[in-house]
Amino acid sequence: MGHYSKECENLTPAELKKVKNKQRKAKKKAEMEQQAAAAIAEKKEHHAKSKQASGEDGEAHPPPSEELMPEKLASVSDPLQQAIRFLIPLQSFAASKIDTHLLAYEIYSRKEKPLLMLQSIKRALSVDSRHPQLQKFLLLFHTSMEKKVNFLPSPLPDFMKREMDKIYNTVNLEQLKLNVEEQINN
């Protein structure tokens, strides 16, 4: 207790504890104020540097060219996943457009997602059952599912067969094949 004044020596332990707490709080407050002042100075310096970088005219200059390499911007690590990210809002906001569901079918067929392919087909049928691209997709879906349906996990084969029966009972497959062949030949 050598560094405390004689007044502190006469204090009770509780009063001494209060004095120490006040001193500690005052020290913390001073440190916080110093940090805040340093942060403000750093912001001012950063603002001055950014203003200087933008030039005297006040216009911002483009970022360094290494960030805007077209090859880097055009390449995506997983393009189908990126396509799905753009597709999901389309399905919500453009559900009445046949192209939305045709695009969904194409993406999901490339990802080999039979349930989502089926969903896309059913939604497209509800929008425009006579669309030429949909006719082609109906034929492709039927052909691919005939081969793959039995190799799907347990509950899916029965479900897919039931749903496909609902779709293809209303569609004449022979006429569908003729329509698609006619489209290809024209």
C-alpha atoms as a PDB file:
ATOM      1  CA  MET A   1       0.000   0.000   0.000  1.00  0.00           C
ATOM      2  CA  GLY A   2       3.009   2.227  -0.382  1.00  0.00           C
ATOM      3  CA  HIS A   3       1.753   3.965  -3.514  1.00  0.00           C
ATOM      4  CA  TYR A   4      -1.543   5.021  -1.974  1.00  0.00           C
ATOM      5  CA  SER A   5      -1.840   8.257  -0.122  1.00  0.00           C
ATOM      6  CA  LYS A   6      -2.154   8.410   3.628  1.00  0.00           C
ATOM      7  CA  GLU A   7      -5.881   8.903   3.169  1.00  0.00           C
ATOM      8  CA  CYS A   8      -6.176   5.445   1.619  1.00  0.00           C
ATOM      9  CA  GLU A   9      -4.348   3.890   4.529  1.00  0.00           C
ATOM     10  CA  ASN A  10      -7.087   5.066   6.870  1.00  0.00           C
ATOM     11  CA  LEU A  11      -9.868   3.513   4.757  1.00  0.00           C
ATOM     12  CA  THR A  12     -11.706   0.352   5.619  1.00  0.00           C
ATOM     13  CA  PRO A  13     -11.253  -2.620   3.251  1.00  0.00           C
ATOM     14  CA  ALA A  14     -14.673  -2.018   1.672  1.00  0.00           C
ATOM     15  CA  GLU A  15     -13.897   1.664   1.069  1.00  0.00           C
ATOM     16  CA  LEU A  16     -10.464   0.753  -0.307  1.00  0.00           C
ATOM     17  CA  LYS A  17     -12.123  -1.690  -2.726  1.00  0.00           C
ATOM     18  CA  LYS A  18     -14.461   1.078  -3.923  1.00  0.00           C
ATOM     19  CA  VAL A  19     -11.534   3.415  -4.550  1.00  0.00           C
ATOM     20  CA  LYS A  20      -9.680   0.731  -6.520  1.00  0.00           C
ATOM     21  CA  ASN A  21     -12.800   0.030  -8.624  1.00  0.00           C
ATOM     22  CA  LYS A  22     -13.192   3.747  -9.362  1.00  0.00           C
ATOM     23  CA  GLN A  23      -9.549   3.964 -10.405  1.00  0.00           C
ATOM     24  CA  ARG A  24      -9.868   0.867 -12.608  1.00  0.00           C
ATOM     25  CA  LYS A  25     -13.022   2.240 -14.254  1.00  0.00           C
ATOM     26  CA  ALA A  26     -11.363   5.609 -14.858  1.00  0.00           C
ATOM     27  CA  LYS A  27      -8.369   3.858 -16.443  1.00  0.00           C
ATOM     28  CA  LYS A  28     -10.655   1.751 -18.694  1.00  0.00           C
ATOM     29  CA  LYS A  29     -12.625   4.835 -19.704  1.00  0.00           C
ATOM     30  CA  ALA A  30      -9.410   6.647 -20.642  1.00  0.00           C
ATOM     31  CA  GLU A  31      -8.257   3.650 -22.717  1.00  0.00           C
ATOM     32  CA  MET A  32     -11.629   3.464 -24.495  1.00  0.00           C
ATOM     33  CA  GLU A  33     -11.487   7.171 -25.283  1.00  0.00           C
ATOM     34  CA  GLN A  34      -7.976   6.738 -26.711  1.00  0.00           C
ATOM     35  CA  GLN A  35      -9.143   3.816 -28.865  1.00  0.00           C
ATOM     36  CA  ALA A  36     -12.148   5.788 -30.096  1.00  0.00           C
ATOM     37  CA  ALA A  37      -9.931   8.755 -30.954  1.00  0.00           C
ATOM     38  CA  ALA A  38      -7.525   6.442 -32.804  1.00  0.00           C
ATOM     39  CA  ALA A  39     -10.429   4.878 -34.749  1.00  0.00           C
ATOM     40  CA  ILE A  40     -11.735   8.314 -35.743  1.00  0.00           C
ATOM     41  CA  ALA A  41      -8.252   9.370 -36.850  1.00  0.00           C
ATOM     42  CA  GLU A  42      -7.904   6.159 -38.871  1.00  0.00           C
ATOM     43  CA  LYS A  43     -11.273   6.751 -40.566  1.00  0.00           C
ATOM     44  CA  LYS A  44     -10.266  10.301 -41.439  1.00  0.00           C
ATOM     45  CA  GLU A  45      -6.972   9.057 -42.853  1.00  0.00           C
ATOM     46  CA  HIS A  46      -8.734   6.345 -44.870  1.00  0.00           C
ATOM     47  CA  HIS A  47     -11.245   8.886 -46.173  1.00  0.00           C
ATOM     48  CA  ALA A  48      -8.424  11.231 -47.166  1.00  0.00           C
ATOM     49  CA  LYS A  49      -6.594   8.379 -48.947  1.00  0.00           C
ATOM     50  CA  SER A  50      -9.729   7.299 -50.821  1.00  0.00           C
ATOM     51  CA  LYS A  51     -10.417  10.892 -51.811  1.00  0.00           C
ATOM     52  CA  GLN A  52      -6.832  11.252 -53.008  1.00  0.00           C
ATOM     53  CA  ALA A  53      -7.105   7.976 -54.971  1.00  0.00           C
ATOM     54  CA  SER A  54     -10.259   9.176 -56.666  1.00  0.00           C
ATOM     55  CA  GLY A  55      -8.378  12.203 -57.921  1.00  0.00           C
ATOM     56  CA  GLU A  56      -9.041  15.885 -57.848  1.00  0.00           C
ATOM     57  CA  ASP A  57     -12.166  15.577 -60.005  1.00  0.00           C
ATOM     58  CA  GLY A  58     -13.955  13.566 -57.323  1.00  0.00           C
ATOM     59  CA  GLU A  59     -14.714  10.669 -59.687  1.00  0.00           C
ATOM     60  CA  ALA A  60     -13.975   7.174 -58.545  1.00  0.00           C
ATOM     61  CA  HIS A  61     -11.474   5.215 -60.597  1.00  0.00           C
ATOM     62  CA  PRO A  62     -12.171   1.593 -61.552  1.00  0.00           C
ATOM     63  CA  PRO A  63     -10.730  -1.145 -59.354  1.00  0.00           C
ATOM     64  CA  PRO A  64      -7.460  -2.757 -60.411  1.00  0.00           C
ATOM     65  CA  SER A  65      -7.756  -4.804 -63.600  1.00  0.00           C
ATOM     66  CA  GLU A  66      -6.800  -8.058 -61.861  1.00  0.00           C
ATOM     67  CA  GLU A  67     -10.244  -8.125 -60.236  1.00  0.00           C
ATOM     68  CA  LEU A  68     -12.071  -7.750 -63.557  1.00  0.00           C
ATOM     69  CA  MET A  69     -10.617 -10.627 -65.531  1.00  0.00           C
ATOM     70  CA  PRO A  70     -13.396 -11.822 -67.880  1.00  0.00           C
ATOM     71  CA  GLU A  71     -12.286 -15.453 -67.754  1.00  0.00           C
ATOM     72  CA  LYS A  72     -12.497 -15.444 -63.982  1.00  0.00           C
ATOM     73  CA  LEU A  73     -15.927 -13.794 -63.992  1.00  0.00           C
ATOM     74  CA  ALA A  74     -17.285 -16.150 -66.658  1.00  0.00           C
ATOM     75  CA  SER A  75     -16.086 -19.349 -65.032  1.00  0.00           C
ATOM     76  CA  VAL A  76     -18.094 -20.777 -62.177  1.00  0.00           C
ATOM     77  CA  SER A  77     -17.060 -23.745 -60.075  1.00  0.00           C
ATOM     78  CA  ASP A  78     -20.525 -25.348 -60.202  1.00  0.00           C
ATOM     79  CA  PRO A  79     -22.632 -23.877 -63.024  1.00  0.00           C
ATOM     80  CA  LEU A  80     -25.674 -26.089 -62.432  1.00  0.00           C
ATOM     81  CA  GLN A  81     -25.817 -25.067 -58.786  1.00  0.00           C
ATOM     82  CA  GLN A  82     -25.575 -21.418 -59.841  1.00  0.00           C
ATOM     83  CA  ALA A  83     -28.373 -22.007 -62.359  1.00  0.00           C
ATOM     84  CA  ILE A  84     -30.558 -23.419 -59.583  1.00  0.00           C
ATOM     85  CA  ARG A  85     -29.875 -20.302 -57.491  1.00  0.00           C
ATOM     86  CA  PHE A  86     -31.320 -18.197 -60.308  1.00  0.00           C
ATOM     87  CA  LEU A  87     -34.098 -20.670 -61.039  1.00  0.00           C
ATOM     88  CA  ILE A  88     -35.695 -20.713 -57.586  1.00  0.00           C
ATOM     89  CA  PRO A  89     -36.812 -17.048 -57.654  1.00  0.00           C
ATOM     90  CA  LEU A  90     -37.984 -17.524 -61.248  1.00  0.00           C
ATOM     91  CA  GLN A  91     -40.219 -20.375 -60.143  1.00  0.00           C
ATOM     92  CA  SER A  92     -41.761 -18.097 -57.533  1.00  0.00           C
ATOM     93  CA  PHE A  93     -42.151 -14.935 -59.572  1.00  0.00           C
ATOM     94  CA  ALA A  94     -42.589 -16.279 -63.119  1.00  0.00           C
ATOM     95  CA  ALA A  95     -44.627 -19.410 -62.418  1.00  0.00           C
ATOM     96  CA  SER A  96     -47.079 -18.536 -65.181  1.00  0.00           C
ATOM     97  CA  LYS A  97     -44.331 -18.589 -67.839  1.00  0.00           C
ATOM     98  CA  ILE A  98     -43.740 -21.896 -69.618  1.00  0.00           C
ATOM     99  CA  ASP A  99     -40.058 -21.061 -70.143  1.00  0.00           C
ATOM    100  CA  THR A 100     -39.495 -21.104 -66.385  1.00  0.00           C
ATOM    101  CA  HIS A 101     -40.616 -24.716 -66.119  1.00  0.00           C
ATOM    102  CA  LEU A 102     -38.831 -25.795 -69.284  1.00  0.00           C
ATOM    103  CA  LEU A 103     -35.618 -24.292 -67.942  1.00  0.00           C
ATOM    104  CA  ALA A 104     -36.213 -26.048 -64.618  1.00  0.00           C
ATOM    105  CA  TYR A 105     -36.652 -29.357 -66.428  1.00  0.00           C
ATOM    106  CA  GLU A 106     -33.393 -28.894 -68.343  1.00  0.00           C
ATOM    107  CA  ILE A 107     -31.430 -28.054 -65.210  1.00  0.00           C
ATOM    108  CA  TYR A 108     -32.889 -30.883 -63.148  1.00  0.00           C
ATOM    109  CA  SER A 109     -32.425 -33.410 -65.937  1.00  0.00           C
ATOM    110  CA  ARG A 110     -28.731 -32.495 -66.097  1.00  0.00           C
ATOM    111  CA  LYS A 111     -28.520 -32.873 -62.315  1.00  0.00           C
ATOM    112  CA  GLU A 112     -30.444 -36.166 -62.641  1.00  0.00           C
ATOM    113  CA  LYS A 113     -33.159 -35.213 -60.152  1.00  0.00           C
ATOM    114  CA  PRO A 114     -36.215 -37.252 -61.225  1.00  0.00           C
ATOM    115  CA  LEU A 115     -38.681 -35.808 -58.701  1.00  0.00           C
ATOM    116  CA  LEU A 116     -37.794 -32.241 -59.619  1.00  0.00           C
ATOM    117  CA  MET A 117     -37.972 -33.170 -63.311  1.00  0.00           C
ATOM    118  CA  LEU A 118     -41.463 -34.542 -62.692  1.00  0.00           C
ATOM    119  CA  GLN A 119     -42.448 -31.393 -60.823  1.00  0.00           C
ATOM    120  CA  SER A 120     -41.216 -29.250 -63.721  1.00  0.00           C
ATOM    121  CA  ILE A 121     -43.122 -31.338 -66.261  1.00  0.00           C
ATOM    122  CA  LYS A 122     -46.350 -31.126 -64.241  1.00  0.00           C
ATOM    123  CA  ARG A 123     -46.030 -27.358 -63.791  1.00  0.00           C
ATOM    124  CA  ALA A 124     -45.274 -26.870 -67.491  1.00  0.00           C
ATOM    125  CA  LEU A 125     -48.307 -28.972 -68.421  1.00  0.00           C
ATOM    126  CA  SER A 126     -50.502 -26.762 -66.285  1.00  0.00           C
ATOM    127  CA  VAL A 127     -49.222 -23.657 -68.111  1.00  0.00           C
ATOM    128  CA  ASP A 128     -49.178 -24.808 -71.769  1.00  0.00           C
ATOM    129  CA  SER A 129     -49.601 -28.501 -72.553  1.00  0.00           C
ATOM    130  CA  ARG A 130     -49.138 -27.957 -76.310  1.00  0.00           C
ATOM    131  CA  HIS A 131     -45.780 -26.178 -76.209  1.00  0.00           C
ATOM    132  CA  PRO A 132     -43.394 -27.868 -78.707  1.00  0.00           C
ATOM    133  CA  GLN A 133     -40.427 -27.964 -76.313  1.00  0.00           C
ATOM    134  CA  LEU A 134     -42.627 -29.480 -73.617  1.00  0.00           C
ATOM    135  CA  GLN A 135     -43.703 -32.201 -76.067  1.00  0.00           C
ATOM    136  CA  LYS A 136     -40.048 -33.077 -76.572  1.00  0.00           C
ATOM    137  CA  PHE A 137     -39.369 -33.082 -72.829  1.00  0.00           C
ATOM    138  CA  LEU A 138     -42.396 -35.296 -72.181  1.00  0.00           C
ATOM    139  CA  LEU A 139     -40.993 -37.855 -74.578  1.00  0.00           C
ATOM    140  CA  LEU A 140     -37.466 -37.611 -73.132  1.00  0.00           C
ATOM    141  CA  PHE A 141     -38.763 -37.887 -69.579  1.00  0.00           C
ATOM    142  CA  HIS A 142     -40.867 -40.931 -70.394  1.00  0.00           C
ATOM    143  CA  THR A 143     -37.979 -42.663 -72.165  1.00  0.00           C
ATOM    144  CA  SER A 144     -35.455 -41.963 -69.413  1.00  0.00           C
ATOM    145  CA  MET A 145     -37.808 -42.903 -66.573  1.00  0.00           C
ATOM    146  CA  GLU A 146     -38.794 -46.176 -68.245  1.00  0.00           C
ATOM    147  CA  LYS A 147     -35.144 -47.189 -67.961  1.00  0.00           C
ATOM    148  CA  LYS A 148     -34.334 -45.684 -64.549  1.00  0.00           C
ATOM    149  CA  VAL A 149     -37.512 -45.914 -62.483  1.00  0.00           C
ATOM    150  CA  ASN A 150     -36.765 -49.365 -61.049  1.00  0.00           C
ATOM    151  CA  PHE A 151     -33.296 -48.290 -59.930  1.00  0.00           C
ATOM    152  CA  LEU A 152     -34.557 -45.435 -57.778  1.00  0.00           C
ATOM    153  CA  PRO A 153     -34.582 -45.765 -53.954  1.00  0.00           C
ATOM    154  CA  SER A 154     -37.388 -47.718 -52.304  1.00  0.00           C
ATOM    155  CA  PRO A 155     -40.527 -45.569 -52.198  1.00  0.00           C
ATOM    156  CA  LEU A 156     -39.811 -43.680 -55.425  1.00  0.00           C
ATOM    157  CA  PRO A 157     -40.504 -46.305 -58.121  1.00  0.00           C
ATOM    158  CA  ASP A 158     -44.139 -46.760 -57.102  1.00  0.00           C
ATOM    159  CA  PHE A 159     -44.680 -43.026 -56.709  1.00  0.00           C
ATOM    160  CA  MET A 160     -43.031 -42.200 -60.044  1.00  0.00           C
ATOM    161  CA  LYS A 161     -45.059 -44.879 -61.857  1.00  0.00           C
ATOM    162  CA  ARG A 162     -48.321 -43.518 -60.408  1.00  0.00           C
ATOM    163  CA  GLU A 163     -47.471 -39.941 -61.312  1.00  0.00           C
ATOM    164  CA  MET A 164     -46.272 -40.882 -64.791  1.00  0.00           C
ATOM    165  CA  ASP A 165     -49.491 -42.842 -65.353  1.00  0.00           C
ATOM    166  CA  LYS A 166     -51.465 -39.684 -64.487  1.00  0.00           C
ATOM    167  CA  ILE A 167     -49.470 -37.679 -67.018  1.00  0.00           C
ATOM    168  CA  TYR A 168     -49.206 -40.197 -69.817  1.00  0.00           C
ATOM    169  CA  ASN A 169     -52.794 -41.465 -69.585  1.00  0.00           C
ATOM    170  CA  THR A 170     -53.854 -38.104 -70.977  1.00  0.00           C
ATOM    171  CA  VAL A 171     -51.050 -38.039 -73.568  1.00  0.00           C
ATOM    172  CA  ASN A 172     -50.939 -40.282 -76.611  1.00  0.00           C
ATOM    173  CA  LEU A 173     -47.291 -41.401 -76.754  1.00  0.00           C
ATOM    174  CA  GLU A 174     -47.443 -42.396 -80.424  1.00  0.00           C
ATOM    175  CA  GLN A 175     -48.858 -39.012 -81.393  1.00  0.00           C
ATOM    176  CA  LEU A 176     -46.272 -37.355 -79.152  1.00  0.00           C
ATOM    177  CA  LYS A 177     -43.448 -39.189 -80.968  1.00  0.00           C
ATOM    178  CA  LEU A 178     -44.854 -38.125 -84.331  1.00  0.00           C
ATOM    179  CA  ASN A 179     -45.117 -34.498 -83.198  1.00  0.00           C
ATOM    180  CA  VAL A 180     -41.542 -34.463 -81.936  1.00  0.00           C
ATOM    181  CA  GLU A 181     -40.214 -36.104 -85.122  1.00  0.00           C
ATOM    182  CA  GLU A 182     -42.114 -33.541 -87.182  1.00  0.00           C
ATOM    183  CA  GLN A 183     -40.548 -30.724 -85.136  1.00  0.00           C
ATOM    184  CA  ILE A 184     -37.077 -32.191 -85.673  1.00  0.00           C
ATOM    185  CA  ASN A 185     -37.590 -32.542 -89.424  1.00  0.00           C
ATOM    186  CA  ASN A 186     -38.829 -28.963 -89.807  1.00  0.00           C
END
